[in-house]
Amino acid sequence: MTSKLKLAALSAALVSAFVGTSVSAQTRPDDIVSPITTQVAALKTSADEARRLGRFVYDKPTPQNAVFLFVDHQIGLMAGVRDFTSLAEYKNNVIALAKMAKALNIPVMLTTSNAQWQNGDILPELKQIFPNEPIYRRTGIINAYEDPTFRAAFEKLTQGGRNHVVISGVTLGTCVTLPTLSMLNDGYKVFPVVDASGAWSRYEAEAAMSRMSRAGAELQSVYPLGIELQADWKRPTADAMFEPYTNNLPEYGFVVQGFWNNANKRTVPDPFGIVK
């Protein structure tokens, strides 16, 4: 075959491939967009039935069944945290978690240990976010759940089915682990938020997480927990819940800013009609 014939054959093959690709793209089925009126579908199997069948039980926290505990987020204790790359990251996570509880209207409890001395007062931002919440000032009892004053308020708060406890604090090995083990013992489901809790060292953090996990606690981190609680961005709490993701999680905030700065250049139609 001559060079000219080879070139012609190659050109024909390329044209055929291009046409085939174009036809394939043109014959793709239409996208299937779920109606914006849909709501979260319940699981087919209840938690009790899943237990009976010996299955994993996904008994998740919700705004209706949860309470948040912020234990000993005190400036003196926070200064000693060593398991984060920076205290700014840790503080940012605590503030984001508090904003989520506020946005979802989930009951919270704030407590400190010997704030009058070296431990210092609670993080000021927590007072600002929850101006109407009392602070339970423990005067020596280390495990918050073992403090009678705290326990009485906690038991009152968890009446009516709020038995899913989201807990964070300083330190992870003490202020979070000890109440977690105690509450598991008494039948609560406990979700320690490990990246909104600080430890003296990475060794402490790893030992604490291992101990709580083996005992049955479900370890969580701030931003996945927020997603699990929100469940559907069409819910009325979406705007308030989105704020900590854009302002306290700057990596995602930059993505959001970049998107909205170029929103009118999108190629996929917006079924909500927000982006024109």
Protein backbone atom coordinates (compact mmCIF):
# COMPACT_ATOMS: atom_id res chain seq x y z
CA MET A 1 0.00 0.00 0.00
CA THR A 2 1.33 3.39 -0.93
CA SER A 3 1.86 6.17 1.56
CA LYS A 4 -1.12 8.04 0.15
CA LEU A 5 -3.39 5.01 0.54
CA LYS A 6 -2.15 4.45 4.10
CA LEU A 7 -2.89 8.09 4.96
CA ALA A 8 -6.35 7.86 3.46
CA ALA A 9 -7.11 4.67 5.42
CA LEU A 10 -5.93 6.29 8.67
CA SER A 11 -8.06 9.35 8.01
CA ALA A 12 -11.10 7.19 7.35
CA ALA A 13 -10.54 5.29 10.61
CA LEU A 14 -10.26 8.52 12.60
CA VAL A 15 -13.43 9.90 11.05
CA SER A 16 -15.25 6.64 11.81
CA ALA A 17 -14.11 6.73 15.43
CA PHE A 18 -15.14 10.37 15.81
CA VAL A 19 -18.56 9.76 14.27
CA GLY A 20 -19.06 6.72 16.47
CA THR A 21 -18.24 8.72 19.56
CA SER A 22 -20.60 11.50 18.53
CA VAL A 23 -23.44 9.08 17.87
CA SER A 24 -22.81 7.37 21.21
CA ALA A 25 -22.94 10.71 23.03
CA GLN A 26 -26.12 11.69 21.20
CA THR A 27 -27.88 8.44 22.12
CA ARG A 28 -27.15 8.57 25.85
CA PRO A 29 -30.34 8.35 27.93
CA ASP A 30 -31.56 11.51 29.62
CA ASP A 31 -30.36 12.23 33.14
CA ILE A 32 -32.74 11.14 35.87
CA VAL A 33 -33.20 13.97 38.35
CA SER A 34 -34.94 13.19 41.63
CA PRO A 35 -37.87 15.56 42.30
CA ILE A 36 -37.02 18.44 44.59
CA THR A 37 -40.08 17.50 46.64
CA THR A 38 -38.61 14.16 47.74
CA GLN A 39 -37.69 13.51 51.35
CA VAL A 40 -35.27 11.13 53.06
CA ALA A 41 -36.53 7.55 52.76
CA ALA A 42 -36.67 5.55 55.98
CA LEU A 43 -34.74 2.30 56.17
CA LYS A 44 -36.79 -0.80 55.40
CA THR A 45 -35.72 -2.54 58.61
CA SER A 46 -36.13 -1.03 62.07
CA ALA A 47 -33.25 -1.05 64.53
CA ASP A 48 -35.04 -3.60 66.72
CA GLU A 49 -35.67 -5.90 63.77
CA ALA A 50 -32.06 -5.56 62.60
CA ARG A 51 -30.89 -6.61 66.07
CA ARG A 52 -33.22 -9.59 66.02
CA LEU A 53 -31.82 -10.66 62.67
CA GLY A 54 -28.23 -10.25 63.87
CA ARG A 55 -27.48 -7.46 61.41
CA PHE A 56 -25.50 -4.29 61.86
CA VAL A 57 -27.80 -1.70 63.43
CA TYR A 58 -27.64 1.76 61.88
CA ASP A 59 -29.17 3.72 64.71
CA LYS A 60 -28.02 7.15 63.64
CA PRO A 61 -28.11 10.46 65.51
CA THR A 62 -30.75 12.93 64.35
CA PRO A 63 -31.83 16.40 65.46
CA GLN A 64 -34.78 14.70 67.17
CA ASN A 65 -32.91 12.05 69.19
CA ALA A 66 -29.58 13.70 70.02
CA VAL A 67 -27.99 15.94 72.64
CA PHE A 68 -24.57 17.59 72.45
CA LEU A 69 -22.13 17.72 75.36
CA PHE A 70 -19.23 20.18 75.33
CA VAL A 71 -16.96 19.04 78.16
CA ASP A 72 -14.10 21.16 79.48
CA HIS A 73 -13.31 23.15 76.34
CA GLN A 74 -11.35 25.49 78.60
CA ILE A 75 -8.62 27.84 77.48
CA GLY A 76 -6.09 26.52 80.00
CA LEU A 77 -6.65 22.92 78.96
CA MET A 78 -6.81 23.76 75.25
CA ALA A 79 -3.36 25.34 75.46
CA GLY A 80 -1.91 21.91 76.22
CA VAL A 81 -3.39 20.09 73.21
CA ARG A 82 -0.65 18.38 71.19
CA ASP A 83 -2.37 15.96 68.79
CA PHE A 84 -3.29 18.56 66.13
CA THR A 85 -1.06 20.25 63.59
CA SER A 86 -2.29 23.56 65.03
CA LEU A 87 -4.56 24.75 67.81
CA ALA A 88 -6.35 26.91 65.22
CA GLU A 89 -7.59 23.76 63.48
CA TYR A 90 -8.83 22.26 66.73
CA LYS A 91 -10.55 25.47 67.86
CA ASN A 92 -12.16 25.87 64.45
CA ASN A 93 -13.63 22.37 64.67
CA VAL A 94 -15.10 23.03 68.13
CA ILE A 95 -16.75 26.22 66.91
CA ALA A 96 -18.11 24.48 63.80
CA LEU A 97 -19.60 21.69 65.92
CA ALA A 98 -21.28 24.23 68.18
CA LYS A 99 -22.72 26.09 65.18
CA MET A 100 -24.19 22.83 63.90
CA ALA A 101 -25.94 22.11 67.19
CA LYS A 102 -27.30 25.66 67.13
CA ALA A 103 -28.44 25.43 63.51
CA LEU A 104 -30.27 22.15 64.10
CA ASN A 105 -31.75 23.27 67.43
CA ILE A 106 -30.24 20.29 69.24
CA PRO A 107 -30.12 20.61 73.06
CA VAL A 108 -26.63 21.16 74.45
CA MET A 109 -24.87 21.08 77.78
CA LEU A 110 -21.71 23.01 78.60
CA THR A 111 -19.51 22.06 81.53
CA THR A 112 -16.14 23.02 83.00
CA SER A 113 -13.82 21.58 85.62
CA ASN A 114 -12.20 23.88 88.22
CA ALA A 115 -12.46 26.90 85.94
CA GLN A 116 -11.48 29.16 88.83
CA TRP A 117 -7.90 27.83 88.70
CA GLN A 118 -5.39 26.85 86.02
CA ASN A 119 -7.90 25.16 83.69
CA GLY A 120 -9.38 28.56 82.83
CA ASP A 121 -12.84 29.44 81.62
CA ILE A 122 -14.73 27.88 78.74
CA LEU A 123 -13.90 28.91 75.17
CA PRO A 124 -15.49 32.39 74.74
CA GLU A 125 -17.03 31.46 71.38
CA LEU A 126 -19.12 28.76 73.06
CA LYS A 127 -20.62 31.40 75.35
CA GLN A 128 -21.37 33.56 72.31
CA ILE A 129 -23.03 30.74 70.36
CA PHE A 130 -25.07 29.57 73.35
CA PRO A 131 -25.79 32.77 75.34
CA ASN A 132 -28.82 31.26 77.06
CA GLU A 133 -27.22 27.99 78.15
CA PRO A 134 -25.95 27.62 81.73
CA ILE A 135 -22.44 26.33 82.30
CA TYR A 136 -22.22 23.45 84.75
CA ARG A 137 -19.17 24.27 86.88
CA ARG A 138 -17.81 21.03 88.33
CA THR A 139 -15.69 21.60 91.42
CA GLY A 140 -13.59 18.45 91.53
CA ILE A 141 -15.40 15.44 90.05
CA ILE A 142 -13.48 14.58 86.90
CA ASN A 143 -16.01 12.44 85.03
CA ALA A 144 -18.85 14.85 84.17
CA TYR A 145 -21.38 12.01 84.12
CA GLU A 146 -20.47 11.18 87.72
CA ASP A 147 -21.13 14.73 88.92
CA PRO A 148 -24.62 14.65 90.56
CA THR A 149 -25.55 18.18 89.47
CA PHE A 150 -24.54 17.54 85.87
CA ARG A 151 -26.16 14.10 85.86
CA ALA A 152 -29.51 15.42 87.07
CA ALA A 153 -29.61 18.02 84.30
CA PHE A 154 -28.43 15.49 81.72
CA GLU A 155 -31.12 12.97 82.64
CA LYS A 156 -33.77 15.66 82.41
CA LEU A 157 -32.47 16.72 79.00
CA THR A 158 -32.44 13.18 77.62
CA GLN A 159 -35.99 12.35 78.61
CA GLY A 160 -38.37 11.63 75.77
CA GLY A 161 -36.02 9.62 73.55
CA ARG A 162 -32.93 11.80 73.31
CA ASN A 163 -30.55 8.92 74.01
CA HIS A 164 -27.95 9.65 71.30
CA VAL A 165 -25.14 11.63 72.89
CA VAL A 166 -22.65 13.62 70.82
CA ILE A 167 -19.68 14.47 73.03
CA SER A 168 -16.50 16.49 72.60
CA GLY A 169 -13.98 17.84 75.07
CA VAL A 170 -10.47 18.20 76.46
CA THR A 171 -8.84 15.91 76.99
CA LEU A 172 -9.97 13.08 74.78
CA GLY A 173 -8.51 10.44 77.08
CA THR A 174 -10.19 11.80 80.21
CA CYS A 175 -12.99 14.33 79.75
CA VAL A 176 -14.45 12.49 76.75
CA THR A 177 -13.52 8.85 77.38
CA LEU A 178 -14.68 8.57 80.99
CA PRO A 179 -18.21 9.98 80.43
CA THR A 180 -18.45 7.96 77.21
CA LEU A 181 -17.73 4.68 78.97
CA SER A 182 -20.14 5.59 81.76
CA MET A 183 -22.97 6.50 79.38
CA LEU A 184 -22.45 3.34 77.33
CA ASN A 185 -22.72 1.39 80.58
CA ASP A 186 -26.08 3.05 81.26
CA GLY A 187 -27.54 2.36 77.81
CA TYR A 188 -26.91 5.54 75.83
CA LYS A 189 -25.56 5.57 72.29
CA VAL A 190 -22.47 7.75 72.31
CA PHE A 191 -20.73 9.53 69.44
CA PRO A 192 -17.37 11.04 70.49
CA VAL A 193 -16.31 13.75 68.03
CA VAL A 194 -12.60 13.11 67.95
CA ASP A 195 -11.49 16.10 65.87
CA ALA A 196 -13.35 18.50 68.18
CA SER A 197 -11.52 16.99 71.15
CA GLY A 198 -7.88 17.47 72.07
CA ALA A 199 -5.28 15.29 73.78
CA TRP A 200 -1.92 15.82 75.44
CA SER A 201 -0.31 13.58 72.83
CA ARG A 202 -1.07 11.42 69.85
CA TYR A 203 -0.54 8.38 72.06
CA GLU A 204 -3.31 9.53 74.37
CA ALA A 205 -5.65 10.19 71.45
CA GLU A 206 -5.03 6.78 69.86
CA ALA A 207 -5.44 4.91 73.16
CA ALA A 208 -8.65 6.81 73.93
CA MET A 209 -10.16 6.17 70.50
CA SER A 210 -9.30 2.49 70.70
CA ARG A 211 -10.78 2.15 74.17
CA MET A 212 -14.05 3.94 73.31
CA SER A 213 -14.46 2.12 70.03
CA ARG A 214 -13.98 -1.29 71.64
CA ALA A 215 -16.59 -0.36 74.23
CA GLY A 216 -19.17 0.37 71.52
CA ALA A 217 -18.92 4.12 70.99
CA GLU A 218 -19.21 5.31 67.38
CA LEU A 219 -16.34 7.69 66.73
CA GLN A 220 -17.19 10.68 64.60
CA SER A 221 -15.56 13.76 63.09
CA VAL A 222 -17.19 17.17 62.82
CA TYR A 223 -18.09 17.61 59.19
CA PRO A 224 -19.29 14.06 58.36
CA LEU A 225 -21.39 14.20 61.53
CA GLY A 226 -22.98 17.45 60.37
CA ILE A 227 -23.85 15.86 57.02
CA GLU A 228 -25.39 12.85 58.75
CA LEU A 229 -27.51 15.10 60.97
CA GLN A 230 -28.64 17.38 58.13
CA ALA A 231 -29.38 14.38 55.84
CA ASP A 232 -31.02 16.50 53.12
CA TRP A 233 -29.90 19.94 51.95
CA LYS A 234 -33.53 20.74 51.09
CA ARG A 235 -34.45 20.91 54.77
CA PRO A 236 -35.10 24.36 56.30
CA THR A 237 -31.90 24.20 58.39
CA ALA A 238 -29.71 24.05 55.26
CA ASP A 239 -28.65 27.71 55.17
CA ALA A 240 -27.60 27.78 58.81
CA MET A 241 -25.90 24.38 58.51
CA PHE A 242 -24.00 25.42 55.40
CA GLU A 243 -22.30 28.30 57.22
CA PRO A 244 -19.79 26.20 59.23
CA TYR A 245 -18.85 24.31 56.06
CA THR A 246 -18.02 27.52 54.20
CA ASN A 247 -16.47 29.52 57.07
CA ASN A 248 -14.93 26.91 59.39
CA LEU A 249 -13.83 24.47 56.68
CA PRO A 250 -11.90 26.86 54.40
CA GLU A 251 -10.87 24.12 51.97
CA TYR A 252 -14.52 23.68 51.07
CA GLY A 253 -15.32 27.35 51.48
CA PHE A 254 -12.90 28.22 48.70
CA VAL A 255 -14.62 25.68 46.42
CA VAL A 256 -18.01 27.22 47.18
CA GLN A 257 -16.74 30.76 46.55
CA GLY A 258 -15.12 29.72 43.29
CA PHE A 259 -18.31 28.06 42.13
CA TRP A 260 -20.63 30.95 42.85
CA ASN A 261 -18.20 33.43 41.31
CA ASN A 262 -18.65 31.53 38.03
CA ALA A 263 -22.18 30.21 38.53
CA ASN A 264 -23.62 31.49 35.26
CA LYS A 265 -21.16 29.42 33.22
CA ARG A 266 -22.62 26.06 34.26
CA THR A 267 -23.43 23.42 31.65
CA VAL A 268 -25.84 21.28 33.70
CA PRO A 269 -29.28 22.87 34.26
CA ASP A 270 -30.20 23.64 37.87
CA PRO A 271 -33.57 21.99 38.71
CA PHE A 272 -34.00 24.35 41.67
CA GLY A 273 -33.77 27.43 39.48
CA ILE A 274 -31.23 29.10 41.76
CA VAL A 275 -28.52 29.42 39.12
CA LYS A 276 -29.83 31.06 35.96
